[in-house]
């Protein structure tokens, strides 16, 4: 049975004509033990229309858990999501940028994205 994302109707990311619900991707990423908060949004792309971007706020991982890395987040997403729903860009940070903390903003604003040093 498909999960109901009724509260987010109309908030889609259109990737190559396919609809991606940001909440669905956020739910999958939030399953990881070291993820504190996550925001998923669309970023304009010249060929696909939009791509999926995730900003992930992490805690320090316990010694027995996998480390908070872009590779681990993508691997987890591959097991639960269709390929077009997997974030193309993932930013890992200790805290979400200020505008995203108060209200989940679905528009990608480059000035609010974390530094690209931990991006893929």
Protein backbone atom coordinates (compact mmCIF):
# COMPACT_ATOMS: atom_id res chain seq x y z
CA UNK A 1 0.00 0.00 0.00
CA UNK A 2 1.34 3.43 -0.93
CA UNK A 3 2.14 5.83 1.86
CA UNK A 4 -0.11 8.89 2.07
CA UNK A 5 1.67 12.22 1.79
CA UNK A 6 -1.59 14.20 1.78
CA UNK A 7 -0.24 17.13 3.79
CA UNK A 8 2.27 17.80 1.05
CA UNK A 9 -0.04 17.69 -1.98
CA UNK A 10 1.21 20.14 -4.55
CA UNK A 11 4.76 20.13 -3.20
CA UNK A 12 6.46 18.00 -5.82
CA UNK A 13 9.88 17.91 -7.36
CA UNK A 14 9.54 17.15 -11.07
CA UNK A 15 12.49 15.04 -12.23
CA UNK A 16 12.31 14.28 -15.94
CA UNK A 17 8.51 14.38 -15.80
CA UNK A 18 8.30 12.11 -12.72
CA UNK A 19 6.86 13.46 -9.46
CA UNK A 20 8.97 13.13 -6.32
CA UNK A 21 7.41 13.82 -2.93
CA UNK A 22 10.07 15.54 -0.75
CA UNK A 23 8.50 14.04 2.39
CA UNK A 24 8.98 10.51 1.04
CA UNK A 25 12.71 11.08 0.49
CA UNK A 26 13.04 12.85 3.88
CA UNK A 27 11.34 9.89 5.62
CA UNK A 28 13.80 7.42 4.10
CA UNK A 29 16.87 9.50 4.98
CA UNK A 30 15.56 10.14 8.51
CA UNK A 31 15.58 6.38 9.16
CA UNK A 32 19.37 6.50 9.51
CA UNK A 33 20.38 6.57 13.20
CA UNK A 34 22.70 9.58 12.95
CA UNK A 35 20.28 11.90 11.08
CA UNK A 36 18.84 14.68 13.24
CA UNK A 37 16.94 16.64 10.56
CA UNK A 38 16.63 16.56 6.80
CA UNK A 39 15.18 18.85 4.17
CA UNK A 40 14.67 17.77 0.56
CA UNK A 41 14.02 20.22 -2.26
CA UNK A 42 14.25 20.60 -6.00
CA UNK A 43 17.01 22.47 -7.77
CA UNK A 44 16.55 23.64 -11.38
CA UNK A 45 18.31 21.49 -13.98
CA UNK A 46 18.59 22.33 -17.69
CA UNK A 47 17.68 18.85 -18.98
CA UNK A 48 15.65 17.15 -16.23
CA UNK A 49 13.63 20.16 -15.10
CA UNK A 50 14.69 19.67 -11.48
CA UNK A 51 17.01 17.43 -9.47
CA UNK A 52 16.60 16.21 -5.89
CA UNK A 53 18.79 17.96 -3.30
CA UNK A 54 19.03 16.94 0.38
CA UNK A 55 20.48 18.90 3.29
CA UNK A 56 21.12 16.48 6.15
CA UNK A 57 21.82 17.58 9.71
CA UNK A 58 23.68 14.81 11.56
CA UNK A 59 24.65 13.85 15.08
CA UNK A 60 27.93 12.14 15.78
CA UNK A 61 27.45 8.47 14.98
CA UNK A 62 27.91 5.91 17.76
CA UNK A 63 30.93 3.64 17.39
CA UNK A 64 28.80 0.66 16.32
CA UNK A 65 26.82 2.58 13.68
CA UNK A 66 27.76 3.45 10.13
CA UNK A 67 29.31 6.87 9.75
CA UNK A 68 27.34 9.84 8.42
CA UNK A 69 28.65 9.96 4.86
CA UNK A 70 27.15 10.81 1.51
CA UNK A 71 27.98 7.30 0.31
CA UNK A 72 26.04 5.70 3.20
CA UNK A 73 23.03 8.00 2.72
CA UNK A 74 22.88 7.22 -1.01
CA UNK A 75 23.27 3.48 -0.39
CA UNK A 76 20.34 3.56 2.05
CA UNK A 77 18.23 5.53 -0.44
CA UNK A 78 19.01 3.00 -3.19
CA UNK A 79 17.45 0.25 -1.10
CA UNK A 80 14.19 2.14 -0.53
CA UNK A 81 13.63 4.59 -3.42
CA UNK A 82 13.31 4.55 -7.19
CA UNK A 83 16.51 5.80 -8.90
CA UNK A 84 14.98 9.15 -9.95
CA UNK A 85 14.08 9.89 -6.29
CA UNK A 86 17.63 9.49 -4.94
CA UNK A 87 19.20 12.89 -4.18
CA UNK A 88 21.76 13.99 -6.75
CA UNK A 89 23.28 16.49 -4.33
CA UNK A 90 23.59 15.78 -0.62
CA UNK A 91 24.93 18.34 1.83
CA UNK A 92 25.96 17.08 5.28
CA UNK A 93 26.01 19.63 8.07
CA UNK A 94 25.81 19.78 11.85
CA UNK A 95 22.81 22.13 11.70
CA UNK A 96 20.33 23.13 9.02
CA UNK A 97 20.84 26.69 7.74
CA UNK A 98 18.68 29.25 9.61
CA UNK A 99 15.86 29.68 7.03
CA UNK A 100 15.24 25.92 6.95
CA UNK A 101 15.05 25.48 10.73
CA UNK A 102 11.90 27.52 11.28
CA UNK A 103 9.89 26.21 8.33
CA UNK A 104 10.75 23.65 5.72
CA UNK A 105 11.35 25.67 2.60
CA UNK A 106 11.03 23.72 -0.62
CA UNK A 107 12.77 26.23 -2.86
CA UNK A 108 16.47 25.79 -3.39
CA UNK A 109 18.26 29.02 -2.47
CA UNK A 110 22.02 28.71 -3.15
CA UNK A 111 22.92 31.32 -0.55
CA UNK A 112 21.39 29.13 2.19
CA UNK A 113 23.08 25.88 1.18
CA UNK A 114 25.96 24.62 3.34
CA UNK A 115 29.50 24.92 2.03
CA UNK A 116 30.21 22.53 -0.85
CA UNK A 117 33.09 20.82 0.95
CA UNK A 118 30.80 17.92 2.01
CA UNK A 119 28.62 17.74 -1.06
CA UNK A 120 28.29 15.17 -3.81
